């Protein structure tokens, strides 16, 4: 398992090096066994960190985002889609602004044909500003 760094440099490296050509296979990458998704606070930032780990194929496509809790639903922020290597985490970062606390979670989704799925992290409450 590779460790995912929460630094600005790691974010920049992740944004430039993780998009790779490839295909996914729903049968060899079970989301219940191979997908990790987490939300974390880092200064004034909220990171969604996730990916596929220990999969049979080298790459898979998915979308990752930070979501903010609203009165009735979750609002998407910093949505990133692409094709990532297995055992390499993807990260997307949202800047938390304002003066009140807000609730956030991370969401990751993927799928082939009719085998689509969505997985969310637990939520965290973040004091912004």
N, C-alpha and C. Protein backbone atom coordinates (compact mmCIF):
# COMPACT_ATOMS: atom_id res chain seq x y z
N UNK A 1 0.83 -1.17 0.00
CA UNK A 1 0.00 0.00 0.00
C UNK A 1 0.88 1.24 0.00
N UNK A 2 0.63 2.18 -0.88
CA UNK A 2 1.40 3.41 -0.92
C UNK A 2 0.76 4.43 -0.01
N UNK A 3 1.56 5.22 0.62
CA UNK A 3 1.06 6.26 1.50
C UNK A 3 0.73 7.50 0.68
N UNK A 4 -0.41 8.10 0.96
CA UNK A 4 -0.85 9.29 0.24
C UNK A 4 -0.44 10.50 1.07
N UNK A 5 0.37 11.38 0.49
CA UNK A 5 0.85 12.56 1.19
C UNK A 5 -0.15 13.69 1.07
N UNK A 6 -0.31 14.47 2.12
CA UNK A 6 -1.28 15.56 2.13
C UNK A 6 -0.62 16.91 1.91
N UNK A 7 0.41 16.98 1.10
CA UNK A 7 1.09 18.25 0.88
C UNK A 7 0.67 18.85 -0.45
N UNK A 8 0.92 20.13 -0.60
CA UNK A 8 0.61 20.80 -1.86
C UNK A 8 1.40 20.18 -3.00
N UNK A 9 2.63 19.77 -2.73
CA UNK A 9 3.44 19.14 -3.77
C UNK A 9 2.82 17.83 -4.21
N UNK A 10 2.33 17.05 -3.25
CA UNK A 10 1.69 15.77 -3.60
C UNK A 10 0.43 15.99 -4.43
N UNK A 11 -0.31 17.05 -4.10
CA UNK A 11 -1.51 17.37 -4.87
C UNK A 11 -1.13 17.72 -6.31
N UNK A 12 -0.09 18.53 -6.48
CA UNK A 12 0.34 18.91 -7.82
C UNK A 12 0.85 17.71 -8.60
N UNK A 13 1.60 16.84 -7.94
CA UNK A 13 2.11 15.64 -8.61
C UNK A 13 0.95 14.74 -8.99
N UNK A 14 0.00 14.55 -8.08
CA UNK A 14 -1.16 13.70 -8.36
C UNK A 14 -1.95 14.23 -9.54
N UNK A 15 -2.11 15.54 -9.61
CA UNK A 15 -2.91 16.14 -10.68
C UNK A 15 -2.24 15.97 -12.03
N UNK A 16 -0.91 15.88 -12.07
CA UNK A 16 -0.22 15.81 -13.35
C UNK A 16 0.19 14.40 -13.76
N UNK A 17 0.28 13.47 -12.81
CA UNK A 17 0.83 12.15 -13.16
C UNK A 17 -0.16 11.01 -13.12
N UNK A 18 -1.35 11.22 -12.62
CA UNK A 18 -2.25 10.09 -12.44
C UNK A 18 -3.14 9.78 -13.62
N UNK A 19 -3.23 10.66 -14.60
CA UNK A 19 -4.09 10.38 -15.74
C UNK A 19 -3.31 9.55 -16.75
N UNK A 20 -3.74 8.31 -16.90
CA UNK A 20 -3.05 7.36 -17.77
C UNK A 20 -4.05 6.65 -18.65
N UNK A 21 -3.67 6.23 -19.84
CA UNK A 21 -4.60 5.47 -20.67
C UNK A 21 -4.83 4.09 -20.09
N UNK A 22 -6.02 3.53 -20.34
CA UNK A 22 -6.29 2.19 -19.86
C UNK A 22 -7.77 1.88 -19.88
N UNK A 23 -8.09 0.70 -19.43
CA UNK A 23 -9.48 0.28 -19.36
C UNK A 23 -9.74 -0.32 -18.00
N UNK A 24 -11.00 -0.43 -17.65
CA UNK A 24 -11.37 -0.99 -16.36
C UNK A 24 -12.11 -2.29 -16.57
N UNK A 25 -12.10 -3.11 -15.55
CA UNK A 25 -12.86 -4.34 -15.57
C UNK A 25 -13.60 -4.47 -14.25
N UNK A 26 -14.91 -4.45 -14.32
CA UNK A 26 -15.72 -4.51 -13.10
C UNK A 26 -15.50 -5.83 -12.37
N UNK A 27 -15.21 -6.89 -13.09
CA UNK A 27 -15.08 -8.21 -12.47
C UNK A 27 -13.80 -8.33 -11.64
N UNK A 28 -12.74 -7.62 -12.00
CA UNK A 28 -11.47 -7.78 -11.30
C UNK A 28 -11.20 -6.71 -10.28
N UNK A 29 -12.05 -5.71 -10.16
CA UNK A 29 -11.87 -4.65 -9.16
C UNK A 29 -13.19 -4.43 -8.44
N UNK A 30 -13.44 -5.21 -7.41
CA UNK A 30 -14.66 -5.12 -6.63
C UNK A 30 -14.61 -3.89 -5.73
N UNK A 31 -15.57 -2.96 -5.85
CA UNK A 31 -15.52 -1.74 -5.02
C UNK A 31 -15.56 -2.03 -3.53
N UNK A 32 -16.24 -3.09 -3.12
CA UNK A 32 -16.31 -3.40 -1.70
C UNK A 32 -14.98 -3.88 -1.14
N UNK A 33 -14.14 -4.48 -1.99
CA UNK A 33 -12.86 -5.01 -1.54
C UNK A 33 -11.67 -4.13 -1.91
N UNK A 34 -11.75 -3.42 -3.03
CA UNK A 34 -10.57 -2.77 -3.58
C UNK A 34 -10.60 -1.25 -3.62
N UNK A 35 -11.70 -0.63 -3.22
CA UNK A 35 -11.80 0.83 -3.30
C UNK A 35 -11.69 1.44 -1.92
N UNK A 36 -10.88 2.47 -1.83
CA UNK A 36 -10.77 3.25 -0.59
C UNK A 36 -11.15 4.69 -0.91
N UNK A 37 -11.89 5.30 -0.01
CA UNK A 37 -12.28 6.71 -0.16
C UNK A 37 -12.27 7.35 1.22
N UNK A 38 -11.71 8.54 1.31
CA UNK A 38 -11.59 9.24 2.59
C UNK A 38 -11.68 10.74 2.37
N UNK A 39 -12.15 11.45 3.38
CA UNK A 39 -12.16 12.92 3.36
C UNK A 39 -11.30 13.38 4.53
N UNK A 40 -10.51 14.44 4.30
CA UNK A 40 -9.64 14.94 5.35
C UNK A 40 -9.51 16.46 5.25
N UNK A 41 -9.30 17.09 6.41
CA UNK A 41 -9.05 18.53 6.46
C UNK A 41 -7.55 18.75 6.49
N UNK A 42 -7.11 19.74 5.73
CA UNK A 42 -5.69 20.09 5.67
C UNK A 42 -5.61 21.61 5.58
N UNK A 43 -5.42 22.28 6.74
CA UNK A 43 -5.44 23.74 6.76
C UNK A 43 -6.82 24.24 6.36
N UNK A 44 -6.89 25.12 5.36
CA UNK A 44 -8.17 25.62 4.83
C UNK A 44 -8.68 24.77 3.68
N UNK A 45 -8.17 23.58 3.54
CA UNK A 45 -8.54 22.71 2.42
C UNK A 45 -9.25 21.45 2.91
N UNK A 46 -10.13 20.94 2.06
CA UNK A 46 -10.78 19.65 2.30
C UNK A 46 -10.39 18.76 1.12
N UNK A 47 -9.77 17.62 1.41
CA UNK A 47 -9.30 16.70 0.38
C UNK A 47 -10.20 15.47 0.31
N UNK A 48 -10.52 15.06 -0.91
CA UNK A 48 -11.09 13.74 -1.16
C UNK A 48 -9.93 12.90 -1.67
N UNK A 49 -9.66 11.80 -0.99
CA UNK A 49 -8.53 10.94 -1.32
C UNK A 49 -9.06 9.53 -1.52
N UNK A 50 -8.72 8.92 -2.64
CA UNK A 50 -9.21 7.57 -2.87
C UNK A 50 -8.54 6.91 -4.04
N UNK A 51 -8.99 5.69 -4.32
CA UNK A 51 -8.48 4.95 -5.45
C UNK A 51 -8.76 3.47 -5.32
N UNK A 52 -8.27 2.74 -6.31
CA UNK A 52 -8.35 1.28 -6.34
C UNK A 52 -7.03 0.72 -5.85
N UNK A 53 -7.10 -0.32 -5.00
CA UNK A 53 -5.89 -0.90 -4.45
C UNK A 53 -5.94 -2.42 -4.55
N UNK A 54 -4.82 -3.00 -4.96
CA UNK A 54 -4.67 -4.45 -5.10
C UNK A 54 -5.63 -5.05 -6.12
N UNK A 55 -5.82 -4.35 -7.23
CA UNK A 55 -6.66 -4.84 -8.32
C UNK A 55 -5.83 -5.67 -9.28
N UNK A 56 -6.52 -6.52 -10.05
CA UNK A 56 -5.83 -7.37 -11.02
C UNK A 56 -5.30 -6.58 -12.22
N UNK A 57 -6.02 -5.57 -12.66
CA UNK A 57 -5.56 -4.81 -13.82
C UNK A 57 -4.74 -3.59 -13.37
N UNK A 58 -4.00 -3.02 -14.27
CA UNK A 58 -3.08 -1.94 -13.95
C UNK A 58 -3.78 -0.59 -13.79
N UNK A 59 -4.84 -0.33 -14.55
CA UNK A 59 -5.50 0.98 -14.50
C UNK A 59 -7.01 0.81 -14.48
N UNK A 60 -7.69 1.83 -14.00
CA UNK A 60 -9.14 1.86 -14.02
C UNK A 60 -9.61 3.30 -14.04
N UNK A 61 -10.77 3.54 -14.60
CA UNK A 61 -11.30 4.90 -14.66
C UNK A 61 -12.31 5.11 -13.54
N UNK A 62 -12.29 6.32 -12.97
CA UNK A 62 -13.28 6.68 -11.97
C UNK A 62 -13.35 8.18 -11.82
N UNK A 63 -14.37 8.65 -11.11
CA UNK A 63 -14.57 10.06 -10.80
C UNK A 63 -14.52 10.21 -9.29
N UNK A 64 -13.81 11.24 -8.82
CA UNK A 64 -13.67 11.51 -7.40
C UNK A 64 -14.03 12.97 -7.16
N UNK A 65 -14.67 13.26 -6.00
CA UNK A 65 -15.07 14.63 -5.70
C UNK A 65 -15.21 14.85 -4.21
N UNK A 66 -15.20 16.12 -3.81
CA UNK A 66 -15.56 16.54 -2.46
C UNK A 66 -17.03 16.96 -2.54
N UNK A 67 -17.81 16.61 -1.52
CA UNK A 67 -19.21 17.02 -1.47
C UNK A 67 -19.46 17.78 -0.17
N UNK A 68 -20.26 18.86 -0.28
CA UNK A 68 -20.65 19.67 0.87
C UNK A 68 -22.12 19.43 1.18
N UNK A 69 -22.45 19.23 2.45
CA UNK A 69 -23.83 18.99 2.86
C UNK A 69 -24.63 20.28 2.78
N UNK A 70 -25.76 20.23 2.07
CA UNK A 70 -26.69 21.35 2.03
C UNK A 70 -27.93 20.94 2.82
N UNK A 71 -28.92 21.78 2.83
CA UNK A 71 -30.13 21.48 3.60
C UNK A 71 -30.78 20.18 3.15
N UNK A 72 -30.85 19.95 1.84
CA UNK A 72 -31.58 18.79 1.33
C UNK A 72 -30.72 17.71 0.67
N UNK A 73 -29.48 18.03 0.34
CA UNK A 73 -28.68 17.06 -0.41
C UNK A 73 -27.19 17.35 -0.22
N UNK A 74 -26.37 16.80 -1.13
CA UNK A 74 -24.92 17.04 -1.15
C UNK A 74 -24.57 17.79 -2.42
N UNK A 75 -23.76 18.83 -2.31
CA UNK A 75 -23.32 19.64 -3.45
C UNK A 75 -21.91 19.22 -3.85
N UNK A 76 -21.71 18.94 -5.16
CA UNK A 76 -20.41 18.49 -5.67
C UNK A 76 -19.44 19.66 -5.81
N UNK A 77 -18.18 19.41 -5.45
CA UNK A 77 -17.09 20.37 -5.64
C UNK A 77 -15.90 19.63 -6.24
N UNK A 78 -15.10 20.31 -7.01
CA UNK A 78 -13.84 19.85 -7.60
C UNK A 78 -13.91 18.40 -8.11
N UNK A 79 -14.80 18.18 -9.05
CA UNK A 79 -14.99 16.85 -9.63
C UNK A 79 -13.83 16.56 -10.59
N UNK A 80 -13.17 15.41 -10.40
CA UNK A 80 -12.07 14.98 -11.29
C UNK A 80 -12.39 13.61 -11.83
N UNK A 81 -12.27 13.46 -13.14
CA UNK A 81 -12.45 12.16 -13.78
C UNK A 81 -11.21 11.83 -14.58
N UNK A 82 -10.92 10.56 -14.68
CA UNK A 82 -9.77 10.14 -15.46
C UNK A 82 -9.53 8.66 -15.29
N UNK A 83 -8.36 8.23 -15.69
CA UNK A 83 -7.95 6.84 -15.57
C UNK A 83 -6.71 6.84 -14.67
N UNK A 84 -6.79 6.05 -13.60
CA UNK A 84 -5.71 6.01 -12.62
C UNK A 84 -5.12 4.62 -12.51
N UNK A 85 -3.86 4.55 -12.11
CA UNK A 85 -3.19 3.26 -11.86
C UNK A 85 -3.73 2.67 -10.57
N UNK A 86 -3.77 1.34 -10.50
CA UNK A 86 -4.09 0.69 -9.25
C UNK A 86 -2.93 0.91 -8.27
N UNK A 87 -3.24 0.99 -6.99
CA UNK A 87 -2.27 1.22 -5.91
C UNK A 87 -1.68 2.62 -5.90
N UNK A 88 -2.27 3.55 -6.62
CA UNK A 88 -1.86 4.95 -6.60
C UNK A 88 -3.10 5.77 -6.27
N UNK A 89 -3.04 6.54 -5.21
CA UNK A 89 -4.20 7.33 -4.81
C UNK A 89 -4.41 8.55 -5.68
N UNK A 90 -5.67 8.94 -5.81
CA UNK A 90 -6.05 10.18 -6.48
C UNK A 90 -6.55 11.14 -5.42
N UNK A 91 -6.33 12.43 -5.64
CA UNK A 91 -6.74 13.43 -4.67
C UNK A 91 -7.35 14.62 -5.41
N UNK A 92 -8.38 15.18 -4.83
CA UNK A 92 -8.94 16.42 -5.32
C UNK A 92 -9.18 17.31 -4.11
N UNK A 93 -8.96 18.60 -4.22
CA UNK A 93 -8.95 19.50 -3.07
C UNK A 93 -9.90 20.66 -3.26
N UNK A 94 -10.69 20.93 -2.24
CA UNK A 94 -11.63 22.06 -2.21
C UNK A 94 -11.17 23.05 -1.15
N UNK A 95 -11.21 24.35 -1.47
CA UNK A 95 -10.85 25.39 -0.51
C UNK A 95 -12.07 25.73 0.33
N UNK A 96 -11.94 25.57 1.63
CA UNK A 96 -13.03 25.82 2.57
C UNK A 96 -13.01 27.31 2.94
N UNK A 97 -14.03 28.05 2.52
CA UNK A 97 -14.12 29.48 2.79
C UNK A 97 -15.30 29.79 3.70
N UNK A 98 -15.29 30.96 4.29
CA UNK A 98 -16.40 31.38 5.14
C UNK A 98 -16.02 31.36 6.60
N UNK A 99 -17.00 31.57 7.45
CA UNK A 99 -16.72 31.67 8.87
C UNK A 99 -17.46 30.63 9.71
N UNK A 100 -18.30 29.81 9.09
CA UNK A 100 -19.03 28.81 9.87
C UNK A 100 -18.55 27.40 9.52
N UNK A 101 -18.90 26.46 10.37
CA UNK A 101 -18.54 25.06 10.13
C UNK A 101 -19.46 24.46 9.08
N UNK A 102 -18.89 23.60 8.25
CA UNK A 102 -19.64 22.93 7.19
C UNK A 102 -19.30 21.44 7.22
N UNK A 103 -20.22 20.62 6.73
CA UNK A 103 -20.02 19.18 6.69
C UNK A 103 -19.62 18.76 5.28
N UNK A 104 -18.57 17.92 5.18
CA UNK A 104 -18.07 17.46 3.90
C UNK A 104 -17.90 15.94 3.92
N UNK A 105 -17.93 15.35 2.72
CA UNK A 105 -17.59 13.94 2.53
C UNK A 105 -16.92 13.81 1.17
N UNK A 106 -16.33 12.66 0.92
CA UNK A 106 -15.74 12.35 -0.38
C UNK A 106 -16.61 11.31 -1.07
N UNK A 107 -16.65 11.38 -2.40
CA UNK A 107 -17.41 10.42 -3.20
C UNK A 107 -16.55 9.95 -4.35
N UNK A 108 -16.63 8.66 -4.63
CA UNK A 108 -15.93 8.06 -5.78
C UNK A 108 -16.94 7.20 -6.52
N UNK A 109 -16.89 7.23 -7.86
CA UNK A 109 -17.81 6.40 -8.64
C UNK A 109 -17.11 5.89 -9.89
N UNK A 110 -17.60 4.75 -10.37
CA UNK A 110 -17.05 4.13 -11.57
C UNK A 110 -18.06 3.12 -12.07
N UNK A 111 -17.71 2.41 -13.11
CA UNK A 111 -18.56 1.35 -13.60
C UNK A 111 -18.35 1.07 -15.07
N UNK A 112 -18.70 -0.14 -15.44
CA UNK A 112 -18.62 -0.58 -16.82
C UNK A 112 -20.02 -1.01 -17.24
N UNK A 113 -20.54 -0.44 -18.31
CA UNK A 113 -21.86 -0.82 -18.79
C UNK A 113 -22.92 -0.61 -17.74
N UNK A 114 -23.62 -1.67 -17.36
CA UNK A 114 -24.67 -1.56 -16.36
C UNK A 114 -24.17 -1.84 -14.95
N UNK A 115 -22.89 -2.09 -14.78
CA UNK A 115 -22.31 -2.38 -13.47
C UNK A 115 -21.72 -1.10 -12.86
N UNK A 116 -22.54 -0.08 -12.69
CA UNK A 116 -22.08 1.19 -12.11
C UNK A 116 -22.21 1.14 -10.59
N UNK A 117 -21.37 1.89 -9.88
CA UNK A 117 -21.43 1.94 -8.43
C UNK A 117 -20.94 3.29 -7.92
N UNK A 118 -21.31 3.61 -6.68
CA UNK A 118 -20.90 4.84 -6.00
C UNK A 118 -20.50 4.45 -4.58
N UNK A 119 -19.43 5.05 -4.09
CA UNK A 119 -18.99 4.80 -2.72
C UNK A 119 -18.65 6.14 -2.08
N UNK A 120 -19.10 6.36 -0.83
CA UNK A 120 -18.81 7.61 -0.13
C UNK A 120 -18.02 7.33 1.13
N UNK A 121 -17.33 8.36 1.58
CA UNK A 121 -16.61 8.29 2.85
C UNK A 121 -17.58 8.69 3.97
N UNK A 122 -17.11 8.58 5.19
CA UNK A 122 -17.83 9.20 6.28
C UNK A 122 -17.72 10.71 6.12
N UNK A 123 -18.47 11.47 6.90
CA UNK A 123 -18.41 12.92 6.78
C UNK A 123 -17.61 13.52 7.93
N UNK A 124 -17.09 14.72 7.68
CA UNK A 124 -16.38 15.48 8.71
C UNK A 124 -16.98 16.88 8.76
N UNK A 125 -16.97 17.49 9.92
CA UNK A 125 -17.41 18.87 10.06
C UNK A 125 -16.16 19.73 10.18
N UNK A 126 -16.07 20.73 9.30
CA UNK A 126 -14.85 21.54 9.18
C UNK A 126 -15.15 23.00 9.50
N UNK A 127 -14.43 23.60 10.45
CA UNK A 127 -14.57 25.03 10.66
C UNK A 127 -13.82 25.78 9.56
N UNK A 128 -14.52 26.53 8.76
CA UNK A 128 -13.91 27.24 7.62
C UNK A 128 -13.46 28.64 8.04
N UNK A 129 -12.43 29.12 7.36
CA UNK A 129 -11.96 30.48 7.60
C UNK A 129 -10.87 30.58 8.60
